[in-house]
């Protein structure tokens, strides 16, 4: 039983627990900042790979990419940073102007690590950037599902309108007919609606 006055310590967040299993790519020149960054990541326990100049894409399974955003590379695009399974991207900048900021935004970086790189702050930046990336991907997936569901509802409404016109039935009857057809054929109501719309368009085309 828990002692009076003592509280059970909360479970450690996943983004802190898995630090030692992180696969980190450092796209940074082999200079003082690059070396300092790698040393600190090694102390945290991350599995680190260093590349410069940046390769076409990080190795498969990379969790985090630290990318040096330099004036000579600000117009370079990184398509791998935009995908659904994209790693967390943290921009490393040693110079700040509107062009650099625009490049960081276009990159989709979840955080910025200013140079010169110091020992303080890296851990917080790493954890927060991964949390933001995870939440953003979750929201994107949720939005995509909602958009798909909404498009399905539009298709069903369109098919119901076709049935109402062609059969002279009510809206309720049209929806019920679509539902019964879906159950009989063991497909979704969206599939039935799509077939009805396609058939109607073909008939209109042949007139």
C-alpha atoms as a PDB file:
ATOM      1  CA  UNK A   1       0.000   0.000   0.000  1.00  0.00           C
ATOM      2  CA  UNK A   2       1.259   3.473  -0.854  1.00  0.00           C
ATOM      3  CA  UNK A   3       2.640   5.395   2.123  1.00  0.00           C
ATOM      4  CA  UNK A   4       0.680   8.473   3.236  1.00  0.00           C
ATOM      5  CA  UNK A   5       2.001  11.642   1.671  1.00  0.00           C
ATOM      6  CA  UNK A   6       3.722   9.786  -1.162  1.00  0.00           C
ATOM      7  CA  UNK A   7       2.500   9.626  -4.704  1.00  0.00           C
ATOM      8  CA  UNK A   8       3.332   6.979  -7.262  1.00  0.00           C
ATOM      9  CA  UNK A   9       5.757   8.387  -9.833  1.00  0.00           C
ATOM     10  CA  UNK A  10       4.064   8.826 -13.225  1.00  0.00           C
ATOM     11  CA  UNK A  11       5.091   6.534 -16.053  1.00  0.00           C
ATOM     12  CA  UNK A  12       7.907   7.927 -18.163  1.00  0.00           C
ATOM     13  CA  UNK A  13       6.633   9.220 -21.544  1.00  0.00           C
ATOM     14  CA  UNK A  14       7.460   7.025 -24.530  1.00  0.00           C
ATOM     15  CA  UNK A  15       9.480   9.784 -26.177  1.00  0.00           C
ATOM     16  CA  UNK A  16      11.841   9.712 -23.192  1.00  0.00           C
ATOM     17  CA  UNK A  17      11.871   5.934 -22.772  1.00  0.00           C
ATOM     18  CA  UNK A  18      13.008   5.146 -26.296  1.00  0.00           C
ATOM     19  CA  UNK A  19      15.871   7.651 -26.578  1.00  0.00           C
ATOM     20  CA  UNK A  20      18.513   4.917 -26.538  1.00  0.00           C
ATOM     21  CA  UNK A  21      16.863   3.079 -29.398  1.00  0.00           C
ATOM     22  CA  UNK A  22      16.641   6.099 -31.690  1.00  0.00           C
ATOM     23  CA  UNK A  23      18.299   5.896 -35.094  1.00  0.00           C
ATOM     24  CA  UNK A  24      19.562   9.388 -35.806  1.00  0.00           C
ATOM     25  CA  UNK A  25      21.028  10.754 -39.035  1.00  0.00           C
ATOM     26  CA  UNK A  26      23.195  13.859 -38.773  1.00  0.00           C
ATOM     27  CA  UNK A  27      23.456  15.710 -42.085  1.00  0.00           C
ATOM     28  CA  UNK A  28      26.102  18.194 -41.027  1.00  0.00           C
ATOM     29  CA  UNK A  29      29.677  19.095 -42.022  1.00  0.00           C
ATOM     30  CA  UNK A  30      32.445  17.557 -39.921  1.00  0.00           C
ATOM     31  CA  UNK A  31      33.208  20.790 -38.087  1.00  0.00           C
ATOM     32  CA  UNK A  32      33.121  21.786 -34.414  1.00  0.00           C
ATOM     33  CA  UNK A  33      29.313  22.004 -34.359  1.00  0.00           C
ATOM     34  CA  UNK A  34      28.883  18.695 -36.142  1.00  0.00           C
ATOM     35  CA  UNK A  35      31.295  16.938 -33.803  1.00  0.00           C
ATOM     36  CA  UNK A  36      29.679  18.472 -30.716  1.00  0.00           C
ATOM     37  CA  UNK A  37      26.227  17.387 -31.899  1.00  0.00           C
ATOM     38  CA  UNK A  38      27.342  13.804 -32.522  1.00  0.00           C
ATOM     39  CA  UNK A  39      29.110  13.615 -29.147  1.00  0.00           C
ATOM     40  CA  UNK A  40      25.987  14.745 -27.302  1.00  0.00           C
ATOM     41  CA  UNK A  41      23.780  12.304 -29.204  1.00  0.00           C
ATOM     42  CA  UNK A  42      26.232   9.532 -28.327  1.00  0.00           C
ATOM     43  CA  UNK A  43      25.999  10.500 -24.653  1.00  0.00           C
ATOM     44  CA  UNK A  44      22.213  10.286 -24.831  1.00  0.00           C
ATOM     45  CA  UNK A  45      22.621   6.803 -26.289  1.00  0.00           C
ATOM     46  CA  UNK A  46      21.284   7.361 -29.808  1.00  0.00           C
ATOM     47  CA  UNK A  47      22.567   5.298 -32.724  1.00  0.00           C
ATOM     48  CA  UNK A  48      24.037   7.965 -34.954  1.00  0.00           C
ATOM     49  CA  UNK A  49      25.141   8.121 -38.586  1.00  0.00           C
ATOM     50  CA  UNK A  50      26.828  11.186 -40.075  1.00  0.00           C
ATOM     51  CA  UNK A  51      26.616  12.301 -43.709  1.00  0.00           C
ATOM     52  CA  UNK A  52      27.720  15.399 -45.593  1.00  0.00           C
ATOM     53  CA  UNK A  53      26.651  16.556 -48.061  1.00  0.00           C
ATOM     54  CA  UNK A  54      23.113  15.305 -47.423  1.00  0.00           C
ATOM     55  CA  UNK A  55      22.332  12.057 -49.281  1.00  0.00           C
ATOM     56  CA  UNK A  56      19.187  11.784 -51.451  1.00  0.00           C
ATOM     57  CA  UNK A  57      17.348  10.370 -48.437  1.00  0.00           C
ATOM     58  CA  UNK A  58      18.108   9.001 -44.973  1.00  0.00           C
ATOM     59  CA  UNK A  59      18.575   5.289 -44.396  1.00  0.00           C
ATOM     60  CA  UNK A  60      15.406   3.257 -44.019  1.00  0.00           C
ATOM     61  CA  UNK A  61      14.179   3.201 -40.437  1.00  0.00           C
ATOM     62  CA  UNK A  62      15.744   6.539 -39.474  1.00  0.00           C
ATOM     63  CA  UNK A  63      13.796   8.150 -36.628  1.00  0.00           C
ATOM     64  CA  UNK A  64      15.362  11.610 -36.497  1.00  0.00           C
ATOM     65  CA  UNK A  65      17.359  13.749 -38.931  1.00  0.00           C
ATOM     66  CA  UNK A  66      19.445  16.728 -37.845  1.00  0.00           C
ATOM     67  CA  UNK A  67      19.969  18.776 -41.007  1.00  0.00           C
ATOM     68  CA  UNK A  68      22.320  21.725 -41.341  1.00  0.00           C
ATOM     69  CA  UNK A  69      20.477  24.461 -43.236  1.00  0.00           C
ATOM     70  CA  UNK A  70      23.211  26.425 -44.984  1.00  0.00           C
ATOM     71  CA  UNK A  71      22.951  29.418 -47.359  1.00  0.00           C
ATOM     72  CA  UNK A  72      24.385  27.359 -50.243  1.00  0.00           C
ATOM     73  CA  UNK A  73      21.703  24.656 -49.800  1.00  0.00           C
ATOM     74  CA  UNK A  74      18.587  26.687 -48.994  1.00  0.00           C
ATOM     75  CA  UNK A  75      16.987  25.971 -52.365  1.00  0.00           C
ATOM     76  CA  UNK A  76      17.484  22.212 -52.141  1.00  0.00           C
ATOM     77  CA  UNK A  77      14.327  20.162 -51.688  1.00  0.00           C
ATOM     78  CA  UNK A  78      14.001  17.113 -49.446  1.00  0.00           C
ATOM     79  CA  UNK A  79      10.906  15.131 -50.546  1.00  0.00           C
ATOM     80  CA  UNK A  80      11.637  12.410 -47.966  1.00  0.00           C
ATOM     81  CA  UNK A  81      10.865  14.921 -45.196  1.00  0.00           C
ATOM     82  CA  UNK A  82       7.235  15.304 -46.307  1.00  0.00           C
ATOM     83  CA  UNK A  83       5.974  11.707 -46.429  1.00  0.00           C
ATOM     84  CA  UNK A  84       3.564  10.133 -43.983  1.00  0.00           C
ATOM     85  CA  UNK A  85       6.358   8.031 -42.485  1.00  0.00           C
ATOM     86  CA  UNK A  86       8.893  10.869 -42.572  1.00  0.00           C
ATOM     87  CA  UNK A  87      11.386  11.035 -39.700  1.00  0.00           C
ATOM     88  CA  UNK A  88      11.422  13.897 -37.255  1.00  0.00           C
ATOM     89  CA  UNK A  89      13.467  16.702 -38.822  1.00  0.00           C
ATOM     90  CA  UNK A  90      15.434  19.167 -36.711  1.00  0.00           C
ATOM     91  CA  UNK A  91      17.114  22.043 -38.535  1.00  0.00           C
ATOM     92  CA  UNK A  92      20.574  23.140 -37.412  1.00  0.00           C
ATOM     93  CA  UNK A  93      21.154  26.806 -38.249  1.00  0.00           C
ATOM     94  CA  UNK A  94      24.134  29.055 -37.671  1.00  0.00           C
ATOM     95  CA  UNK A  95      22.762  32.023 -39.550  1.00  0.00           C
ATOM     96  CA  UNK A  96      19.332  33.627 -39.507  1.00  0.00           C
ATOM     97  CA  UNK A  97      17.608  35.622 -42.212  1.00  0.00           C
ATOM     98  CA  UNK A  98      14.268  35.366 -44.069  1.00  0.00           C
ATOM     99  CA  UNK A  99      15.737  32.986 -46.660  1.00  0.00           C
ATOM    100  CA  UNK A 100      16.986  30.569 -43.990  1.00  0.00           C
ATOM    101  CA  UNK A 101      13.683  30.732 -42.103  1.00  0.00           C
ATOM    102  CA  UNK A 102      11.766  30.034 -45.318  1.00  0.00           C
ATOM    103  CA  UNK A 103      14.009  27.019 -45.994  1.00  0.00           C
ATOM    104  CA  UNK A 104      13.359  25.685 -42.478  1.00  0.00           C
ATOM    105  CA  UNK A 105       9.597  26.033 -42.974  1.00  0.00           C
ATOM    106  CA  UNK A 106       9.712  24.385 -46.394  1.00  0.00           C
ATOM    107  CA  UNK A 107      11.705  21.529 -44.917  1.00  0.00           C
ATOM    108  CA  UNK A 108       8.952  20.867 -42.397  1.00  0.00           C
ATOM    109  CA  UNK A 109      11.350  20.961 -39.454  1.00  0.00           C
ATOM    110  CA  UNK A 110       9.754  20.271 -36.075  1.00  0.00           C
ATOM    111  CA  UNK A 111      12.408  22.231 -34.181  1.00  0.00           C
ATOM    112  CA  UNK A 112      15.494  24.375 -34.690  1.00  0.00           C
ATOM    113  CA  UNK A 113      18.849  23.761 -33.028  1.00  0.00           C
ATOM    114  CA  UNK A 114      20.891  26.976 -33.089  1.00  0.00           C
ATOM    115  CA  UNK A 115      24.629  26.887 -33.655  1.00  0.00           C
ATOM    116  CA  UNK A 116      27.109  27.044 -32.074  1.00  0.00           C
ATOM    117  CA  UNK A 117      25.775  23.782 -30.638  1.00  0.00           C
ATOM    118  CA  UNK A 118      25.854  23.692 -26.839  1.00  0.00           C
ATOM    119  CA  UNK A 119      25.351  20.884 -24.367  1.00  0.00           C
ATOM    120  CA  UNK A 120      22.265  22.496 -22.835  1.00  0.00           C
ATOM    121  CA  UNK A 121      18.926  22.120 -24.592  1.00  0.00           C
ATOM    122  CA  UNK A 122      19.568  19.309 -27.062  1.00  0.00           C
ATOM    123  CA  UNK A 123      17.663  16.669 -25.089  1.00  0.00           C
ATOM    124  CA  UNK A 124      14.594  18.896 -24.718  1.00  0.00           C
ATOM    125  CA  UNK A 125      14.654  19.834 -28.398  1.00  0.00           C
ATOM    126  CA  UNK A 126      14.947  16.182 -29.419  1.00  0.00           C
ATOM    127  CA  UNK A 127      12.066  14.984 -27.231  1.00  0.00           C
ATOM    128  CA  UNK A 128       9.720  17.874 -28.019  1.00  0.00           C
ATOM    129  CA  UNK A 129      10.391  17.659 -31.761  1.00  0.00           C
ATOM    130  CA  UNK A 130       9.545  13.952 -31.766  1.00  0.00           C
ATOM    131  CA  UNK A 131       6.358  14.564 -29.802  1.00  0.00           C
ATOM    132  CA  UNK A 132       5.286  17.330 -32.196  1.00  0.00           C
ATOM    133  CA  UNK A 133       6.063  15.119 -35.183  1.00  0.00           C
ATOM    134  CA  UNK A 134       4.061  12.225 -33.745  1.00  0.00           C
ATOM    135  CA  UNK A 135       1.060  14.411 -32.950  1.00  0.00           C
ATOM    136  CA  UNK A 136       1.180  16.050 -36.382  1.00  0.00           C
ATOM    137  CA  UNK A 137       1.231  12.684 -38.174  1.00  0.00           C
ATOM    138  CA  UNK A 138      -1.672  11.488 -36.019  1.00  0.00           C
ATOM    139  CA  UNK A 139      -3.715  14.574 -36.897  1.00  0.00           C
ATOM    140  CA  UNK A 140      -2.920  14.121 -40.585  1.00  0.00           C
ATOM    141  CA  UNK A 141      -4.112  10.509 -40.498  1.00  0.00           C
ATOM    142  CA  UNK A 142      -7.282  11.520 -38.655  1.00  0.00           C
ATOM    143  CA  UNK A 143      -7.974  14.290 -41.163  1.00  0.00           C
ATOM    144  CA  UNK A 144      -7.457  11.916 -44.068  1.00  0.00           C
ATOM    145  CA  UNK A 145      -9.951   9.439 -42.576  1.00  0.00           C
ATOM    146  CA  UNK A 146     -12.505  12.207 -42.050  1.00  0.00           C
ATOM    147  CA  UNK A 147     -12.056  13.438 -45.617  1.00  0.00           C
ATOM    148  CA  UNK A 148     -12.542   9.898 -46.929  1.00  0.00           C
ATOM    149  CA  UNK A 149     -15.672   9.462 -44.818  1.00  0.00           C
ATOM    150  CA  UNK A 150     -17.057  12.815 -45.955  1.00  0.00           C
ATOM    151  CA  UNK A 151     -16.436  11.976 -49.607  1.00  0.00           C
ATOM    152  CA  UNK A 152     -18.237   8.672 -49.078  1.00  0.00           C
ATOM    153  CA  UNK A 153     -21.243  10.481 -47.614  1.00  0.00           C
ATOM    154  CA  UNK A 154     -21.285  12.801 -50.624  1.00  0.00           C
ATOM    155  CA  UNK A 155     -21.272   9.826 -52.970  1.00  0.00           C
ATOM    156  CA  UNK A 156     -24.163   8.204 -51.097  1.00  0.00           C
ATOM    157  CA  UNK A 157     -26.162  11.454 -51.151  1.00  0.00           C
ATOM    158  CA  UNK A 158     -25.551  11.800 -54.891  1.00  0.00           C
ATOM    159  CA  UNK A 159     -26.642   8.203 -55.516  1.00  0.00           C
ATOM    160  CA  UNK A 160     -29.756   8.712 -53.389  1.00  0.00           C
ATOM    161  CA  UNK A 161     -30.675  11.765 -55.464  1.00  0.00           C
ATOM    162  CA  UNK A 162     -30.315   9.691 -58.643  1.00  0.00           C
ATOM    163  CA  UNK A 163     -32.653   7.028 -57.251  1.00  0.00           C
ATOM    164  CA  UNK A 164     -35.182   9.630 -56.144  1.00  0.00           C
ATOM    165  CA  UNK A 165     -35.329  11.081 -59.647  1.00  0.00           C
ATOM    166  CA  UNK A 166     -35.279   7.796 -61.552  1.00  0.00           C
ATOM    167  CA  UNK A 167     -37.671   5.810 -59.340  1.00  0.00           C
ATOM    168  CA  UNK A 168     -39.822   8.594 -57.938  1.00  0.00           C
ATOM    169  CA  UNK A 169     -39.149   7.556 -54.344  1.00  0.00           C
ATOM    170  CA  UNK A 170     -38.496   9.536 -51.178  1.00  0.00           C
ATOM    171  CA  UNK A 171     -35.076  10.313 -49.766  1.00  0.00           C
ATOM    172  CA  UNK A 172     -35.605   7.842 -46.927  1.00  0.00           C
ATOM    173  CA  UNK A 173     -36.569   5.112 -49.380  1.00  0.00           C
ATOM    174  CA  UNK A 174     -33.534   5.862 -51.553  1.00  0.00           C
ATOM    175  CA  UNK A 175     -31.128   5.533 -48.634  1.00  0.00           C
ATOM    176  CA  UNK A 176     -32.858   2.348 -47.494  1.00  0.00           C
ATOM    177  CA  UNK A 177     -32.563   0.876 -50.992  1.00  0.00           C
ATOM    178  CA  UNK A 178     -28.835   1.624 -51.076  1.00  0.00           C
ATOM    179  CA  UNK A 179     -28.423   0.036 -47.653  1.00  0.00           C
ATOM    180  CA  UNK A 180     -30.318  -3.113 -48.634  1.00  0.00           C
ATOM    181  CA  UNK A 181     -28.311  -3.490 -51.842  1.00  0.00           C
ATOM    182  CA  UNK A 182     -25.083  -3.155 -49.868  1.00  0.00           C
ATOM    183  CA  UNK A 183     -26.183  -5.842 -47.399  1.00  0.00           C
ATOM    184  CA  UNK A 184     -27.323  -8.187 -50.167  1.00  0.00           C
ATOM    185  CA  UNK A 185     -24.038  -7.878 -52.040  1.00  0.00           C
ATOM    186  CA  UNK A 186     -21.916  -7.710 -48.879  1.00  0.00           C
ATOM    187  CA  UNK A 187     -20.206  -4.505 -49.905  1.00  0.00           C
ATOM    188  CA  UNK A 188     -20.205  -1.010 -48.442  1.00  0.00           C
ATOM    189  CA  UNK A 189     -22.905   1.545 -49.140  1.00  0.00           C
ATOM    190  CA  UNK A 190     -20.202   3.694 -50.730  1.00  0.00           C
ATOM    191  CA  UNK A 191     -19.466   0.912 -53.222  1.00  0.00           C
ATOM    192  CA  UNK A 192     -23.157   0.702 -54.160  1.00  0.00           C
ATOM    193  CA  UNK A 193     -23.363   4.487 -54.461  1.00  0.00           C
ATOM    194  CA  UNK A 194     -20.300   4.610 -56.700  1.00  0.00           C
ATOM    195  CA  UNK A 195     -21.755   1.918 -58.972  1.00  0.00           C
ATOM    196  CA  UNK A 196     -25.070   3.769 -59.231  1.00  0.00           C
ATOM    197  CA  UNK A 197     -23.360   7.046 -60.073  1.00  0.00           C
ATOM    198  CA  UNK A 198     -21.191   5.365 -62.698  1.00  0.00           C
ATOM    199  CA  UNK A 199     -24.209   3.632 -64.279  1.00  0.00           C
ATOM    200  CA  UNK A 200     -26.149   6.906 -64.344  1.00  0.00           C
ATOM    201  CA  UNK A 201     -23.263   8.730 -65.995  1.00  0.00           C
ATOM    202  CA  UNK A 202     -22.955   5.984 -68.617  1.00  0.00           C
ATOM    203  CA  UNK A 203     -26.679   6.228 -69.417  1.00  0.00           C
ATOM    204  CA  UNK A 204     -26.448  10.017 -69.733  1.00  0.00           C
ATOM    205  CA  UNK A 205     -23.421   9.636 -72.010  1.00  0.00           C
ATOM    206  CA  UNK A 206     -25.240   7.213 -74.321  1.00  0.00           C
ATOM    207  CA  UNK A 207     -28.302   9.403 -74.730  1.00  0.00           C
END
